[in-house]
Structures are given as structure tokens and as C-alpha cells.
PDB file of all heavy atoms in Angstrom:
ATOM      1  N   MET A   1      92.741  98.655 110.494  1.00  0.00           N
ATOM      2  CA  MET A   1      91.736  97.844 109.805  1.00  0.00           C
ATOM      3  C   MET A   1      90.789  98.761 109.033  1.00  0.00           C
ATOM      4  O   MET A   1      89.939  99.434 109.620  1.00  0.00           O
ATOM      5  CB  MET A   1      90.962  96.993 110.806  1.00  0.00           C
ATOM      6  CG  MET A   1      91.757  95.837 111.373  1.00  0.00           C
ATOM      7  SD  MET A   1      92.347  94.654 110.122  1.00  0.00           S
ATOM      8  CE  MET A   1      90.803  93.962 109.536  1.00  0.00           C
ATOM      9  N   ILE A   2      90.976  98.809 107.747  1.00  0.00           N
ATOM     10  CA  ILE A   2      90.138  99.598 106.842  1.00  0.00           C
ATOM     11  C   ILE A   2      89.433  98.623 105.910  1.00  0.00           C
ATOM     12  O   ILE A   2      90.064  97.732 105.327  1.00  0.00           O
ATOM     13  CB  ILE A   2      90.975 100.596 106.012  1.00  0.00           C
ATOM     14  CG1 ILE A   2      91.796 101.505 106.939  1.00  0.00           C
ATOM     15  CG2 ILE A   2      90.084 101.408 105.083  1.00  0.00           C
ATOM     16  CD1 ILE A   2      90.964 102.413 107.820  1.00  0.00           C
ATOM     17  N   GLY A   3      88.120  98.774 105.782  1.00  0.00           N
ATOM     18  CA  GLY A   3      87.344  97.875 104.957  1.00  0.00           C
ATOM     19  C   GLY A   3      87.053  98.442 103.579  1.00  0.00           C
ATOM     20  O   GLY A   3      87.150  99.655 103.342  1.00  0.00           O
ATOM     21  N   TYR A   4      86.686  97.558 102.672  1.00  0.00           N
ATOM     22  CA  TYR A   4      86.304  97.938 101.310  1.00  0.00           C
ATOM     23  C   TYR A   4      85.247  96.942 100.858  1.00  0.00           C
ATOM     24  O   TYR A   4      85.407  95.727 101.028  1.00  0.00           O
ATOM     25  CB  TYR A   4      87.516  97.886 100.383  1.00  0.00           C
ATOM     26  CG  TYR A   4      87.334  98.547  99.038  1.00  0.00           C
ATOM     27  CD1 TYR A   4      87.686  99.879  98.845  1.00  0.00           C
ATOM     28  CD2 TYR A   4      86.825  97.838  97.944  1.00  0.00           C
ATOM     29  CE1 TYR A   4      87.535 100.493  97.601  1.00  0.00           C
ATOM     30  CE2 TYR A   4      86.676  98.435  96.701  1.00  0.00           C
ATOM     31  CZ  TYR A   4      87.030  99.765  96.534  1.00  0.00           C
ATOM     32  OH  TYR A   4      86.875 100.371  95.309  1.00  0.00           O
ATOM     33  N   THR A   5      84.159  97.451 100.291  1.00  0.00           N
ATOM     34  CA  THR A   5      83.031  96.618  99.873  1.00  0.00           C
ATOM     35  C   THR A   5      82.805  96.767  98.378  1.00  0.00           C
ATOM     36  O   THR A   5      82.705  97.898  97.872  1.00  0.00           O
ATOM     37  CB  THR A   5      81.758  97.020 100.631  1.00  0.00           C
ATOM     38  OG1 THR A   5      81.980  96.911 102.037  1.00  0.00           O
ATOM     39  CG2 THR A   5      80.587  96.134 100.232  1.00  0.00           C
ATOM     40  N   THR A   6      82.696  95.640  97.668  1.00  0.00           N
ATOM     41  CA  THR A   6      82.500  95.711  96.230  1.00  0.00           C
ATOM     42  C   THR A   6      81.940  94.395  95.712  1.00  0.00           C
ATOM     43  O   THR A   6      81.887  93.394  96.422  1.00  0.00           O
ATOM     44  CB  THR A   6      83.829  96.032  95.511  1.00  0.00           C
ATOM     45  OG1 THR A   6      83.589  96.272  94.133  1.00  0.00           O
ATOM     46  CG2 THR A   6      84.828  94.896  95.661  1.00  0.00           C
ATOM     47  N   TYR A   7      81.506  94.416  94.468  1.00  0.00           N
ATOM     48  CA  TYR A   7      81.110  93.208  93.742  1.00  0.00           C
ATOM     49  C   TYR A   7      82.294  92.700  92.918  1.00  0.00           C
ATOM     50  O   TYR A   7      83.075  93.502  92.378  1.00  0.00           O
ATOM     51  CB  TYR A   7      79.945  93.497  92.797  1.00  0.00           C
ATOM     52  CG  TYR A   7      78.603  93.642  93.458  1.00  0.00           C
ATOM     53  CD1 TYR A   7      78.150  94.880  93.887  1.00  0.00           C
ATOM     54  CD2 TYR A   7      77.778  92.540  93.649  1.00  0.00           C
ATOM     55  CE1 TYR A   7      76.902  95.017  94.488  1.00  0.00           C
ATOM     56  CE2 TYR A   7      76.539  92.657  94.252  1.00  0.00           C
ATOM     57  CZ  TYR A   7      76.103  93.908  94.665  1.00  0.00           C
ATOM     58  OH  TYR A   7      74.876  94.024  95.267  1.00  0.00           O
ATOM     59  N   VAL A   8      82.387  91.398  92.792  1.00  0.00           N
ATOM     60  CA  VAL A   8      83.470  90.817  92.002  1.00  0.00           C
ATOM     61  C   VAL A   8      83.427  91.335  90.576  1.00  0.00           C
ATOM     62  O   VAL A   8      84.432  91.820  90.030  1.00  0.00           O
ATOM     63  CB  VAL A   8      83.384  89.273  92.008  1.00  0.00           C
ATOM     64  CG1 VAL A   8      84.369  88.674  90.999  1.00  0.00           C
ATOM     65  CG2 VAL A   8      83.650  88.726  93.404  1.00  0.00           C
ATOM     66  N   ASP A   9      82.250  91.237  89.933  1.00  0.00           N
ATOM     67  CA  ASP A   9      82.183  91.600  88.517  1.00  0.00           C
ATOM     68  C   ASP A   9      82.342  93.093  88.298  1.00  0.00           C
ATOM     69  O   ASP A   9      82.924  93.516  87.300  1.00  0.00           O
ATOM     70  CB  ASP A   9      80.884  91.099  87.887  1.00  0.00           C
ATOM     71  CG  ASP A   9      79.641  91.659  88.557  1.00  0.00           C
ATOM     72  OD1 ASP A   9      79.703  92.025  89.751  1.00  0.00           O
ATOM     73  OD2 ASP A   9      78.585  91.719  87.891  1.00  0.00           O
ATOM     74  N   ARG A  10      81.874  93.921  89.239  1.00  0.00           N
ATOM     75  CA  ARG A  10      81.969  95.369  89.056  1.00  0.00           C
ATOM     76  C   ARG A  10      83.384  95.876  89.340  1.00  0.00           C
ATOM     77  O   ARG A  10      83.780  96.934  88.870  1.00  0.00           O
ATOM     78  CB  ARG A  10      80.982  96.108  89.969  1.00  0.00           C
ATOM     79  CG  ARG A  10      79.574  95.566  89.983  1.00  0.00           C
ATOM     80  CD  ARG A  10      78.972  95.397  88.595  1.00  0.00           C
ATOM     81  NE  ARG A  10      78.506  96.652  88.029  1.00  0.00           N
ATOM     82  CZ  ARG A  10      78.135  96.813  86.776  1.00  0.00           C
ATOM     83  NH1 ARG A  10      78.176  95.781  85.948  1.00  0.00           N
ATOM     84  NH2 ARG A  10      77.710  97.983  86.342  1.00  0.00           N
ATOM     85  N   PHE A  11      84.151  95.124  90.126  1.00  0.00           N
ATOM     86  CA  PHE A  11      85.492  95.558  90.539  1.00  0.00           C
ATOM     87  C   PHE A  11      86.583  94.944  89.674  1.00  0.00           C
ATOM     88  O   PHE A  11      87.455  95.650  89.170  1.00  0.00           O
ATOM     89  CB  PHE A  11      85.710  95.175  92.004  1.00  0.00           C
ATOM     90  CG  PHE A  11      87.005  95.676  92.598  1.00  0.00           C
ATOM     91  CD1 PHE A  11      87.144  97.003  92.962  1.00  0.00           C
ATOM     92  CD2 PHE A  11      88.066  94.810  92.812  1.00  0.00           C
ATOM     93  CE1 PHE A  11      88.338  97.465  93.523  1.00  0.00           C
ATOM     94  CE2 PHE A  11      89.255  95.253  93.375  1.00  0.00           C
ATOM     95  CZ  PHE A  11      89.390  96.587  93.735  1.00  0.00           C
ATOM     96  N   GLY A  12      86.535  93.618  89.522  1.00  0.00           N
ATOM     97  CA  GLY A  12      87.609  92.953  88.795  1.00  0.00           C
ATOM     98  C   GLY A  12      87.151  92.077  87.651  1.00  0.00           C
ATOM     99  O   GLY A  12      87.973  91.439  86.990  1.00  0.00           O
ATOM    100  N   GLY A  13      85.828  91.999  87.441  1.00  0.00           N
ATOM    101  CA  GLY A  13      85.291  91.156  86.379  1.00  0.00           C
ATOM    102  C   GLY A  13      85.125  89.718  86.823  1.00  0.00           C
ATOM    103  O   GLY A  13      84.043  89.140  86.703  1.00  0.00           O
ATOM    104  N   THR A  14      86.196  89.134  87.343  1.00  0.00           N
ATOM    105  CA  THR A  14      86.208  87.756  87.823  1.00  0.00           C
ATOM    106  C   THR A  14      87.042  87.702  89.098  1.00  0.00           C
ATOM    107  O   THR A  14      87.705  88.679  89.475  1.00  0.00           O
ATOM    108  CB  THR A  14      86.829  86.815  86.783  1.00  0.00           C
ATOM    109  OG1 THR A  14      88.188  87.230  86.563  1.00  0.00           O
ATOM    110  CG2 THR A  14      86.054  86.853  85.465  1.00  0.00           C
ATOM    111  N   LEU A  15      87.057  86.535  89.745  1.00  0.00           N
ATOM    112  CA  LEU A  15      87.902  86.378  90.927  1.00  0.00           C
ATOM    113  C   LEU A  15      89.386  86.573  90.593  1.00  0.00           C
ATOM    114  O   LEU A  15      90.096  87.254  91.349  1.00  0.00           O
ATOM    115  CB  LEU A  15      87.656  85.017  91.574  1.00  0.00           C
ATOM    116  CG  LEU A  15      86.280  84.843  92.237  1.00  0.00           C
ATOM    117  CD1 LEU A  15      86.093  83.399  92.694  1.00  0.00           C
ATOM    118  CD2 LEU A  15      86.112  85.794  93.417  1.00  0.00           C
ATOM    119  N   PRO A  16      89.898  86.032  89.488  1.00  0.00           N
ATOM    120  CA  PRO A  16      91.289  86.350  89.138  1.00  0.00           C
ATOM    121  C   PRO A  16      91.498  87.843  88.892  1.00  0.00           C
ATOM    122  O   PRO A  16      92.572  88.383  89.197  1.00  0.00           O
ATOM    123  CB  PRO A  16      91.527  85.538  87.857  1.00  0.00           C
ATOM    124  CG  PRO A  16      90.582  84.384  87.972  1.00  0.00           C
ATOM    125  CD  PRO A  16      89.359  84.953  88.631  1.00  0.00           C
ATOM    126  N   GLY A  17      90.465  88.507  88.351  1.00  0.00           N
ATOM    127  CA  GLY A  17      90.579  89.944  88.154  1.00  0.00           C
ATOM    128  C   GLY A  17      90.682  90.692  89.468  1.00  0.00           C
ATOM    129  O   GLY A  17      91.415  91.690  89.578  1.00  0.00           O
ATOM    130  N   VAL A  18      89.949  90.236  90.484  1.00  0.00           N
ATOM    131  CA  VAL A  18      90.076  90.838  91.821  1.00  0.00           C
ATOM    132  C   VAL A  18      91.471  90.588  92.366  1.00  0.00           C
ATOM    133  O   VAL A  18      92.107  91.491  92.941  1.00  0.00           O
ATOM    134  CB  VAL A  18      89.009  90.264  92.775  1.00  0.00           C
ATOM    135  CG1 VAL A  18      89.245  90.758  94.199  1.00  0.00           C
ATOM    136  CG2 VAL A  18      87.610  90.644  92.307  1.00  0.00           C
ATOM    137  N   ALA A  19      91.977  89.363  92.200  1.00  0.00           N
ATOM    138  CA  ALA A  19      93.318  89.042  92.691  1.00  0.00           C
ATOM    139  C   ALA A  19      94.366  89.961  92.075  1.00  0.00           C
ATOM    140  O   ALA A  19      95.321  90.377  92.742  1.00  0.00           O
ATOM    141  CB  ALA A  19      93.644  87.580  92.390  1.00  0.00           C
ATOM    142  N   ALA A  20      94.184  90.308  90.812  1.00  0.00           N
ATOM    143  CA  ALA A  20      95.146  91.184  90.141  1.00  0.00           C
ATOM    144  C   ALA A  20      95.133  92.593  90.716  1.00  0.00           C
ATOM    145  O   ALA A  20      96.109  93.345  90.548  1.00  0.00           O
ATOM    146  CB  ALA A  20      94.842  91.229  88.641  1.00  0.00           C
ATOM    147  N   ARG A  21      94.038  92.945  91.403  1.00  0.00           N
ATOM    148  CA  ARG A  21      93.918  94.289  91.957  1.00  0.00           C
ATOM    149  C   ARG A  21      94.260  94.353  93.454  1.00  0.00           C
ATOM    150  O   ARG A  21      94.048  95.380  94.097  1.00  0.00           O
ATOM    151  CB  ARG A  21      92.493  94.808  91.726  1.00  0.00           C
ATOM    152  CG  ARG A  21      92.184  95.103  90.257  1.00  0.00           C
ATOM    153  CD  ARG A  21      93.040  96.249  89.743  1.00  0.00           C
ATOM    154  NE  ARG A  21      92.814  96.534  88.322  1.00  0.00           N
ATOM    155  CZ  ARG A  21      93.398  97.537  87.676  1.00  0.00           C
ATOM    156  NH1 ARG A  21      94.234  98.335  88.328  1.00  0.00           N
ATOM    157  NH2 ARG A  21      93.157  97.740  86.394  1.00  0.00           N
ATOM    158  N   VAL A  22      94.796  93.274  93.997  1.00  0.00           N
ATOM    159  CA  VAL A  22      95.193  93.295  95.407  1.00  0.00           C
ATOM    160  C   VAL A  22      96.215  94.400  95.689  1.00  0.00           C
ATOM    161  O   VAL A  22      96.116  95.085  96.721  1.00  0.00           O
ATOM    162  CB  VAL A  22      95.712  91.909  95.838  1.00  0.00           C
ATOM    163  CG1 VAL A  22      96.408  91.977  97.197  1.00  0.00           C
ATOM    164  CG2 VAL A  22      94.547  90.919  95.892  1.00  0.00           C
ATOM    165  N   PRO A  23      97.217  94.656  94.833  1.00  0.00           N
ATOM    166  CA  PRO A  23      98.136  95.767  95.108  1.00  0.00           C
ATOM    167  C   PRO A  23      97.426  97.124  95.229  1.00  0.00           C
ATOM    168  O   PRO A  23      97.845  97.971  96.034  1.00  0.00           O
ATOM    169  CB  PRO A  23      99.092  95.740  93.909  1.00  0.00           C
ATOM    170  CG  PRO A  23      99.077  94.317  93.454  1.00  0.00           C
ATOM    171  CD  PRO A  23      97.667  93.858  93.660  1.00  0.00           C
ATOM    172  N   TYR A  24      96.387  97.326  94.445  1.00  0.00           N
ATOM    173  CA  TYR A  24      95.614  98.570  94.560  1.00  0.00           C
ATOM    174  C   TYR A  24      94.991  98.681  95.946  1.00  0.00           C
ATOM    175  O   TYR A  24      95.046  99.738  96.591  1.00  0.00           O
ATOM    176  CB  TYR A  24      94.529  98.599  93.480  1.00  0.00           C
ATOM    177  CG  TYR A  24      93.560  99.757  93.590  1.00  0.00           C
ATOM    178  CD1 TYR A  24      93.865 100.994  93.030  1.00  0.00           C
ATOM    179  CD2 TYR A  24      92.351  99.615  94.257  1.00  0.00           C
ATOM    180  CE1 TYR A  24      92.979 102.062  93.140  1.00  0.00           C
ATOM    181  CE2 TYR A  24      91.457 100.670  94.371  1.00  0.00           C
ATOM    182  CZ  TYR A  24      91.776 101.899  93.809  1.00  0.00           C
ATOM    183  OH  TYR A  24      90.906 102.953  93.925  1.00  0.00           O
ATOM    184  N   LEU A  25      94.393  97.590  96.424  1.00  0.00           N
ATOM    185  CA  LEU A  25      93.765  97.601  97.742  1.00  0.00           C
ATOM    186  C   LEU A  25      94.804  97.816  98.833  1.00  0.00           C
ATOM    187  O   LEU A  25      94.573  98.565  99.794  1.00  0.00           O
ATOM    188  CB  LEU A  25      93.015  96.292  97.965  1.00  0.00           C
ATOM    189  CG  LEU A  25      91.826  96.038  97.036  1.00  0.00           C
ATOM    190  CD1 LEU A  25      91.322  94.602  97.190  1.00  0.00           C
ATOM    191  CD2 LEU A  25      90.698  97.033  97.316  1.00  0.00           C
ATOM    192  N   GLN A  26      95.964  97.172  98.695  1.00  0.00           N
ATOM    193  CA  GLN A  26      97.028  97.375  99.679  1.00  0.00           C
ATOM    194  C   GLN A  26      97.463  98.824  99.733  1.00  0.00           C
ATOM    195  O   GLN A  26      97.640  99.392 100.824  1.00  0.00           O
ATOM    196  CB  GLN A  26      98.235  96.493  99.337  1.00  0.00           C
ATOM    197  CG  GLN A  26      98.062  95.022  99.635  1.00  0.00           C
ATOM    198  CD  GLN A  26      99.321  94.250  99.301  1.00  0.00           C
ATOM    199  OE1 GLN A  26      99.638  94.045  98.122  1.00  0.00           O
ATOM    200  NE2 GLN A  26     100.048  93.824 100.325  1.00  0.00           N
ATOM    201  N   ALA A  27      97.644  99.442  98.577  1.00  0.00           N
ATOM    202  CA  ALA A  27      98.079 100.838  98.547  1.00  0.00           C
ATOM    203  C   ALA A  27      97.034 101.764  99.149  1.00  0.00           C
ATOM    204  O   ALA A  27      97.379 102.798  99.740  1.00  0.00           O
ATOM    205  CB  ALA A  27      98.391 101.247  97.102  1.00  0.00           C
ATOM    206  N   LEU A  28      95.780 101.398  99.020  1.00  0.00           N
ATOM    207  CA  LEU A  28      94.708 102.203  99.600  1.00  0.00           C
ATOM    208  C   LEU A  28      94.660 102.058 101.114  1.00  0.00           C
ATOM    209  O   LEU A  28      94.106 102.910 101.802  1.00  0.00           O
ATOM    210  CB  LEU A  28      93.375 101.779  98.972  1.00  0.00           C
ATOM    211  CG  LEU A  28      92.122 102.591  99.292  1.00  0.00           C
ATOM    212  CD1 LEU A  28      92.292 104.064  98.910  1.00  0.00           C
ATOM    213  CD2 LEU A  28      90.921 101.995  98.569  1.00  0.00           C
ATOM    214  N   GLY A  29      95.229 100.984 101.638  1.00  0.00           N
ATOM    215  CA  GLY A  29      95.219 100.750 103.078  1.00  0.00           C
ATOM    216  C   GLY A  29      94.194  99.734 103.525  1.00  0.00           C
ATOM    217  O   GLY A  29      93.919  99.601 104.720  1.00  0.00           O
ATOM    218  N   VAL A  30      93.612  98.981 102.588  1.00  0.00           N
ATOM    219  CA  VAL A  30      92.532  98.039 102.896  1.00  0.00           C
ATOM    220  C   VAL A  30      93.101  96.789 103.565  1.00  0.00           C
ATOM    221  O   VAL A  30      94.102  96.230 103.120  1.00  0.00           O
ATOM    222  CB  VAL A  30      91.773  97.656 101.606  1.00  0.00           C
ATOM    223  CG1 VAL A  30      90.784  96.523 101.857  1.00  0.00           C
ATOM    224  CG2 VAL A  30      91.058  98.884 101.050  1.00  0.00           C
ATOM    225  N   ARG A  31      92.411  96.349 104.627  1.00  0.00           N
ATOM    226  CA  ARG A  31      92.776  95.094 105.290  1.00  0.00           C
ATOM    227  C   ARG A  31      91.565  94.190 105.503  1.00  0.00           C
ATOM    228  O   ARG A  31      91.685  93.144 106.144  1.00  0.00           O
ATOM    229  CB  ARG A  31      93.462  95.380 106.635  1.00  0.00           C
ATOM    230  CG  ARG A  31      94.843  96.016 106.496  1.00  0.00           C
ATOM    231  CD  ARG A  31      95.694  95.762 107.717  1.00  0.00           C
ATOM    232  NE  ARG A  31      95.783  94.339 108.002  1.00  0.00           N
ATOM    233  CZ  ARG A  31      95.810  93.848 109.249  1.00  0.00           C
ATOM    234  NH1 ARG A  31      95.742  94.656 110.296  1.00  0.00           N
ATOM    235  NH2 ARG A  31      95.901  92.538 109.449  1.00  0.00           N
ATOM    236  N   TYR A  32      90.426  94.595 104.990  1.00  0.00           N
ATOM    237  CA  TYR A  32      89.187  93.815 105.147  1.00  0.00           C
ATOM    238  C   TYR A  32      88.383  94.040 103.876  1.00  0.00           C
ATOM    239  O   TYR A  32      87.952  95.159 103.592  1.00  0.00           O
ATOM    240  CB  TYR A  32      88.429  94.331 106.378  1.00  0.00           C
ATOM    241  CG  TYR A  32      87.055  93.753 106.616  1.00  0.00           C
ATOM    242  CD1 TYR A  32      86.872  92.685 107.497  1.00  0.00           C
ATOM    243  CD2 TYR A  32      85.921  94.292 106.006  1.00  0.00           C
ATOM    244  CE1 TYR A  32      85.596  92.180 107.751  1.00  0.00           C
ATOM    245  CE2 TYR A  32      84.654  93.794 106.249  1.00  0.00           C
ATOM    246  CZ  TYR A  32      84.495  92.741 107.122  1.00  0.00           C
ATOM    247  OH  TYR A  32      83.237  92.243 107.374  1.00  0.00           O
ATOM    248  N   LEU A  33      88.245  92.988 103.078  1.00  0.00           N
ATOM    249  CA  LEU A  33      87.575  93.107 101.779  1.00  0.00           C
ATOM    250  C   LEU A  33      86.286  92.307 101.803  1.00  0.00           C
ATOM    251  O   LEU A  33      86.300  91.078 101.935  1.00  0.00           O
ATOM    252  CB  LEU A  33      88.487  92.580 100.665  1.00  0.00           C
ATOM    253  CG  LEU A  33      87.871  92.524  99.264  1.00  0.00           C
ATOM    254  CD1 LEU A  33      87.512  93.916  98.772  1.00  0.00           C
ATOM    255  CD2 LEU A  33      88.826  91.823  98.295  1.00  0.00           C
ATOM    256  N   HIS A  34      85.169  93.002 101.675  1.00  0.00           N
ATOM    257  CA  HIS A  34      83.872  92.328 101.571  1.00  0.00           C
ATOM    258  C   HIS A  34      83.510  92.237 100.097  1.00  0.00           C
ATOM    259  O   HIS A  34      83.182  93.241  99.454  1.00  0.00           O
ATOM    260  CB  HIS A  34      82.807  93.110 102.336  1.00  0.00           C
ATOM    261  CG  HIS A  34      81.426  92.525 102.190  1.00  0.00           C
ATOM    262  ND1 HIS A  34      80.289  93.217 102.550  1.00  0.00           N
ATOM    263  CD2 HIS A  34      80.985  91.330 101.715  1.00  0.00           C
ATOM    264  CE1 HIS A  34      79.225  92.469 102.314  1.00  0.00           C
ATOM    265  NE2 HIS A  34      79.629  91.317 101.800  1.00  0.00           N
ATOM    266  N   LEU A  35      83.586  91.019  99.566  1.00  0.00           N
ATOM    267  CA  LEU A  35      83.123  90.767  98.206  1.00  0.00           C
ATOM    268  C   LEU A  35      81.676  90.311  98.279  1.00  0.00           C
ATOM    269  O   LEU A  35      81.366  89.260  98.874  1.00  0.00           O
ATOM    270  CB  LEU A  35      83.975  89.696  97.531  1.00  0.00           C
ATOM    271  CG  LEU A  35      85.400  90.096  97.147  1.00  0.00           C
ATOM    272  CD1 LEU A  35      86.116  88.921  96.495  1.00  0.00           C
ATOM    273  CD2 LEU A  35      85.410  91.305  96.221  1.00  0.00           C
ATOM    274  N   LEU A  36      80.792  91.075  97.682  1.00  0.00           N
ATOM    275  CA  LEU A  36      79.373  90.742  97.683  1.00  0.00           C
ATOM    276  C   LEU A  36      79.150  89.432  96.931  1.00  0.00           C
ATOM    277  O   LEU A  36      80.068  88.921  96.298  1.00  0.00           O
ATOM    278  CB  LEU A  36      78.587  91.920  97.122  1.00  0.00           C
ATOM    279  CG  LEU A  36      78.519  93.069  98.151  1.00  0.00           C
ATOM    280  CD1 LEU A  36      78.419  94.424  97.483  1.00  0.00           C
ATOM    281  CD2 LEU A  36      77.376  92.862  99.127  1.00  0.00           C
TER     282      LEU A  36
END
């Protein structure tokens, strides 16, 4: 369980933009995403 904390707009611009970056989070090893 590795966490990652970020803002939607600063990370992906929008919620769909965050969804598009899920493979990046998976490759990093993230299993807990805190979206501010």
C-alpha cells in the first residue's frame, strides 16, 4: 500500500485527465490515491 497525494487540476487537469494517468500511478506502485 503506497499512497500518492495530489490535486486534480495540478495532476491531470480534470477528473478524466486523472483517469488517463492511472497507468502512471500503477507503474509507480500507488494503491491509495488522495485527490485533494
